[in-house]
């Protein structure tokens, strides 16, 4: 029994190493240019280990999308803005945090999902679907704060929180493309400054006398949401980074 447990743990470790490597290599080289050999070399593992976990590169990419999204969930859950009581402050804090993490080289702060879907949306429908799913799930997290803030600060507005949340993702992905084109984060920083001003304008300033840390706390995530990525295609038994 102990031996079986040790083997399962070793398999989990090797699977995570391959997924970490896949995220890094695909972000740097793109999906098409990435080879299985590149992922194995970055992980320090053999092709035999790779094919123990994944049927092929596409299956690895789909699992890597889930892995990347789970890591992002953990990062944003732990960010300081997530603990703010006021949903307007959380929504603006989200944008501020996105700006703050524009650090390191381009592959370190640009989005795996956006990188893959731009290449593979026509040729690899399963990758497109995975990228769409995780981009939308990330936007849904922000949409909950936007809806709560709208109810307090802009109840008569006709815009929809869900579409505004997706707009923030469009602005972010466009900022990443411009950063890649220019070779640095400066333009992405400026784009996020514009995005913040726009969202701030939609809500306006807090009403006089309203505490800065008012009302609507962030709703707790459901058990289903926490378990959503407990098992992904291409990586049997994968439990994510939560």
Protein backbone atom coordinates (compact mmCIF):
# COMPACT_ATOMS: atom_id res chain seq x y z
CA UNK A 1 0.00 0.00 0.00
CA UNK A 2 2.81 2.38 0.91
CA UNK A 3 4.59 1.54 -2.36
CA UNK A 4 1.41 2.22 -4.33
CA UNK A 5 1.02 5.58 -2.57
CA UNK A 6 4.64 6.49 -3.27
CA UNK A 7 4.20 5.66 -6.95
CA UNK A 8 1.05 7.75 -7.17
CA UNK A 9 2.83 10.68 -5.53
CA UNK A 10 5.78 10.34 -7.90
CA UNK A 11 3.42 10.26 -10.86
CA UNK A 12 1.68 13.40 -9.59
CA UNK A 13 5.01 15.18 -9.23
CA UNK A 14 6.17 14.21 -12.72
CA UNK A 15 2.81 15.23 -14.19
CA UNK A 16 2.99 18.62 -12.52
CA UNK A 17 6.56 19.11 -13.76
CA UNK A 18 5.46 18.39 -17.31
CA UNK A 19 2.53 20.78 -17.02
CA UNK A 20 4.70 23.54 -15.56
CA UNK A 21 7.15 22.99 -18.41
CA UNK A 22 4.39 23.00 -21.02
CA UNK A 23 3.04 26.31 -19.69
CA UNK A 24 6.50 27.90 -19.81
CA UNK A 25 7.54 26.55 -23.20
CA UNK A 26 4.26 27.29 -24.98
CA UNK A 27 4.18 30.81 -23.56
CA UNK A 28 7.68 31.38 -24.91
CA UNK A 29 7.53 29.55 -28.26
CA UNK A 30 3.85 29.24 -29.09
CA UNK A 31 1.88 26.04 -29.47
CA UNK A 32 2.88 25.18 -33.04
CA UNK A 33 6.62 25.61 -32.46
CA UNK A 34 6.60 23.63 -29.21
CA UNK A 35 7.65 20.01 -29.51
CA UNK A 36 7.12 17.19 -27.04
CA UNK A 37 10.91 17.04 -26.79
CA UNK A 38 10.99 20.70 -25.69
CA UNK A 39 8.51 20.05 -22.90
CA UNK A 40 10.42 16.97 -21.74
CA UNK A 41 13.73 18.85 -21.77
CA UNK A 42 12.26 21.73 -19.76
CA UNK A 43 10.78 19.29 -17.25
CA UNK A 44 13.92 17.15 -17.07
CA UNK A 45 11.88 14.03 -17.90
CA UNK A 46 11.81 11.43 -20.66
CA UNK A 47 9.34 11.06 -23.50
CA UNK A 48 8.24 7.86 -21.83
CA UNK A 49 7.17 9.89 -18.80
CA UNK A 50 5.37 12.33 -21.07
CA UNK A 51 3.36 9.65 -22.84
CA UNK A 52 2.56 8.02 -19.51
CA UNK A 53 0.53 11.16 -18.72
CA UNK A 54 -0.60 12.46 -22.11
CA UNK A 55 -1.74 10.93 -25.39
CA UNK A 56 0.08 13.67 -27.29
CA UNK A 57 0.92 17.36 -27.47
CA UNK A 58 -2.69 18.47 -27.85
CA UNK A 59 -3.78 16.55 -24.74
CA UNK A 60 -0.89 18.09 -22.83
CA UNK A 61 -1.87 21.58 -24.02
CA UNK A 62 -5.46 21.09 -22.86
CA UNK A 63 -4.28 19.90 -19.45
CA UNK A 64 -1.78 22.79 -19.35
CA UNK A 65 -4.66 25.23 -19.90
CA UNK A 66 -6.41 23.81 -16.82
CA UNK A 67 -3.15 23.88 -14.86
CA UNK A 68 -2.50 27.51 -15.83
CA UNK A 69 -6.06 28.49 -14.89
CA UNK A 70 -5.81 26.76 -11.52
CA UNK A 71 -2.55 28.56 -10.77
CA UNK A 72 -4.17 31.85 -11.73
CA UNK A 73 -7.14 31.12 -9.45
CA UNK A 74 -4.80 30.57 -6.52
CA UNK A 75 -2.83 33.74 -7.32
CA UNK A 76 -5.91 35.97 -7.54
CA UNK A 77 -7.57 34.38 -4.51
CA UNK A 78 -4.52 35.31 -2.44
CA UNK A 79 -4.18 38.85 -3.83
CA UNK A 80 -4.77 41.68 -1.30
CA UNK A 81 -7.65 43.20 -3.27
CA UNK A 82 -9.67 39.97 -2.88
CA UNK A 83 -10.14 40.68 0.84
CA UNK A 84 -11.65 44.15 0.33
CA UNK A 85 -15.27 44.45 1.46
CA UNK A 86 -16.38 46.97 -1.18
CA UNK A 87 -17.05 45.34 -4.59
CA UNK A 88 -16.11 48.54 -6.45
CA UNK A 89 -12.75 48.51 -4.69
CA UNK A 90 -12.34 44.83 -5.56
CA UNK A 91 -13.10 45.42 -9.23
CA UNK A 92 -10.61 48.28 -9.46
CA UNK A 93 -8.16 46.35 -7.30
CA UNK A 94 -8.30 43.49 -9.79
CA UNK A 95 -7.09 45.82 -12.55
CA UNK A 96 -4.41 47.27 -10.27
CA UNK A 97 -3.21 43.76 -9.45
CA UNK A 98 -3.10 42.81 -13.14
CA UNK A 99 -0.88 45.85 -13.66
CA UNK A 100 1.33 44.98 -10.69
CA UNK A 101 2.09 41.49 -12.02
CA UNK A 102 3.39 42.73 -15.37
CA UNK A 103 6.84 41.69 -14.22
CA UNK A 104 9.69 39.70 -15.74
CA UNK A 105 10.06 38.67 -19.36
CA UNK A 106 7.15 38.54 -21.80
CA UNK A 107 6.56 34.79 -21.37
CA UNK A 108 6.27 35.27 -17.60
CA UNK A 109 3.39 37.76 -17.64
CA UNK A 110 1.52 37.07 -20.88
CA UNK A 111 -1.35 34.62 -21.03
CA UNK A 112 -0.98 30.97 -22.04
CA UNK A 113 -4.65 30.84 -23.03
CA UNK A 114 -4.46 33.86 -25.30
CA UNK A 115 -1.20 32.61 -26.82
CA UNK A 116 -2.62 29.19 -27.67
CA UNK A 117 -6.04 30.24 -28.91
CA UNK A 118 -4.63 32.77 -31.38
CA UNK A 119 -2.74 29.95 -33.07
CA UNK A 120 -5.02 26.96 -32.60
CA UNK A 121 -8.60 28.25 -32.76
CA UNK A 122 -9.15 26.84 -36.27
CA UNK A 123 -6.86 23.83 -36.34
CA UNK A 124 -7.40 22.46 -32.81
CA UNK A 125 -11.01 22.90 -31.70
CA UNK A 126 -10.42 21.15 -28.37
CA UNK A 127 -7.71 23.67 -27.47
CA UNK A 128 -9.96 26.54 -28.53
CA UNK A 129 -12.75 25.20 -26.32
CA UNK A 130 -10.41 24.83 -23.35
CA UNK A 131 -9.07 28.37 -23.75
CA UNK A 132 -12.59 29.76 -24.12
CA UNK A 133 -13.72 27.92 -21.01
CA UNK A 134 -10.94 29.16 -18.76
CA UNK A 135 -10.96 32.74 -20.04
CA UNK A 136 -14.70 32.88 -19.40
CA UNK A 137 -14.39 31.28 -15.97
CA UNK A 138 -11.81 33.88 -15.00
CA UNK A 139 -14.08 36.63 -16.29
CA UNK A 140 -16.99 35.17 -14.30
CA UNK A 141 -15.03 35.72 -11.10
CA UNK A 142 -14.71 39.41 -11.91
CA UNK A 143 -18.31 39.62 -13.14
CA UNK A 144 -19.57 38.75 -9.65
CA UNK A 145 -17.76 41.78 -8.19
CA UNK A 146 -18.87 44.00 -11.06
CA UNK A 147 -22.50 42.98 -10.53
CA UNK A 148 -22.31 43.73 -6.81
CA UNK A 149 -20.65 47.09 -7.49
CA UNK A 150 -23.22 47.96 -10.15
CA UNK A 151 -26.07 47.28 -7.73
CA UNK A 152 -24.57 49.81 -5.31
CA UNK A 153 -22.97 52.48 -7.50
CA UNK A 154 -24.70 52.30 -10.90
CA UNK A 155 -28.06 50.55 -10.46
CA UNK A 156 -29.64 52.39 -13.42
CA UNK A 157 -26.83 51.62 -15.87
CA UNK A 158 -27.75 49.45 -18.86
CA UNK A 159 -24.41 47.69 -19.32
CA UNK A 160 -24.09 44.06 -18.26
CA UNK A 161 -21.48 42.95 -15.71
CA UNK A 162 -20.77 39.77 -17.68
CA UNK A 163 -19.96 41.64 -20.89
CA UNK A 164 -17.87 44.20 -19.00
CA UNK A 165 -15.90 41.36 -17.41
CA UNK A 166 -15.23 39.89 -20.86
CA UNK A 167 -14.26 43.35 -22.10
CA UNK A 168 -11.55 43.50 -19.42
CA UNK A 169 -10.19 40.23 -20.79
CA UNK A 170 -10.25 41.63 -24.33
CA UNK A 171 -8.30 44.66 -23.12
CA UNK A 172 -5.81 42.45 -21.30
CA UNK A 173 -5.25 40.09 -24.24
CA UNK A 174 -4.83 43.07 -26.57
CA UNK A 175 -2.34 44.58 -24.14
CA UNK A 176 -0.35 41.34 -24.18
CA UNK A 177 -0.27 41.36 -27.99
CA UNK A 178 1.01 44.94 -28.00
CA UNK A 179 3.61 44.06 -25.37
CA UNK A 180 4.85 41.21 -27.54
CA UNK A 181 4.93 43.45 -30.60
CA UNK A 182 6.85 46.20 -28.81
CA UNK A 183 9.07 43.86 -26.82
CA UNK A 184 8.20 45.17 -23.37
CA UNK A 185 5.50 45.77 -20.78
CA UNK A 186 5.29 49.56 -21.04
CA UNK A 187 2.38 49.67 -23.47
CA UNK A 188 0.52 47.02 -21.48
CA UNK A 189 0.85 49.18 -18.36
CA UNK A 190 -0.63 52.14 -20.22
CA UNK A 191 -3.50 50.00 -21.54
CA UNK A 192 -4.38 48.88 -18.02
CA UNK A 193 -4.31 52.49 -16.82
CA UNK A 194 -6.88 53.30 -19.53
CA UNK A 195 -8.96 50.27 -18.56
CA UNK A 196 -8.98 51.34 -14.92
CA UNK A 197 -10.09 54.86 -15.79
CA UNK A 198 -12.90 53.48 -17.92
CA UNK A 199 -14.21 51.10 -15.25
CA UNK A 200 -13.89 53.82 -12.62
CA UNK A 201 -15.93 56.14 -14.84
CA UNK A 202 -18.72 53.56 -15.14
CA UNK A 203 -19.15 53.45 -11.37
CA UNK A 204 -18.35 57.04 -10.53
CA UNK A 205 -16.95 58.15 -7.20
CA UNK A 206 -18.27 56.61 -3.97
CA UNK A 207 -21.24 58.61 -2.68
CA UNK A 208 -20.46 61.15 0.07
CA UNK A 209 -20.77 59.55 3.46
CA UNK A 210 -20.48 56.00 2.09
CA UNK A 211 -17.63 54.11 3.77
CA UNK A 212 -14.87 53.16 1.39
CA UNK A 213 -15.18 49.56 2.58
CA UNK A 214 -18.94 49.25 2.28
CA UNK A 215 -21.46 46.47 1.86
CA UNK A 216 -21.32 43.41 -0.38
CA UNK A 217 -18.55 41.06 0.58
CA UNK A 218 -17.38 38.69 -2.12
CA UNK A 219 -19.57 35.58 -2.25
CA UNK A 220 -17.88 32.38 -1.19
CA UNK A 221 -16.89 30.09 -4.04
CA UNK A 222 -18.96 26.94 -4.24
CA UNK A 223 -17.60 23.46 -3.70
CA UNK A 224 -18.32 22.74 -7.35
CA UNK A 225 -16.17 25.73 -8.39
CA UNK A 226 -13.33 24.62 -6.14
CA UNK A 227 -13.46 21.11 -7.59
CA UNK A 228 -14.07 22.17 -11.19
CA UNK A 229 -10.59 21.27 -12.38
CA UNK A 230 -10.08 18.19 -10.21
CA UNK A 231 -9.86 16.06 -13.34
CA UNK A 232 -9.04 17.34 -16.80
CA UNK A 233 -8.77 15.55 -20.16
CA UNK A 234 -5.26 14.36 -20.82
CA UNK A 235 -4.11 14.20 -17.21
CA UNK A 236 -5.78 11.46 -15.24
CA UNK A 237 -6.20 12.29 -11.58
CA UNK A 238 -4.87 15.82 -11.90
CA UNK A 239 -5.92 17.95 -8.93
CA UNK A 240 -4.54 21.36 -9.86
CA UNK A 241 -2.68 23.92 -7.74
CA UNK A 242 -5.42 24.78 -5.30
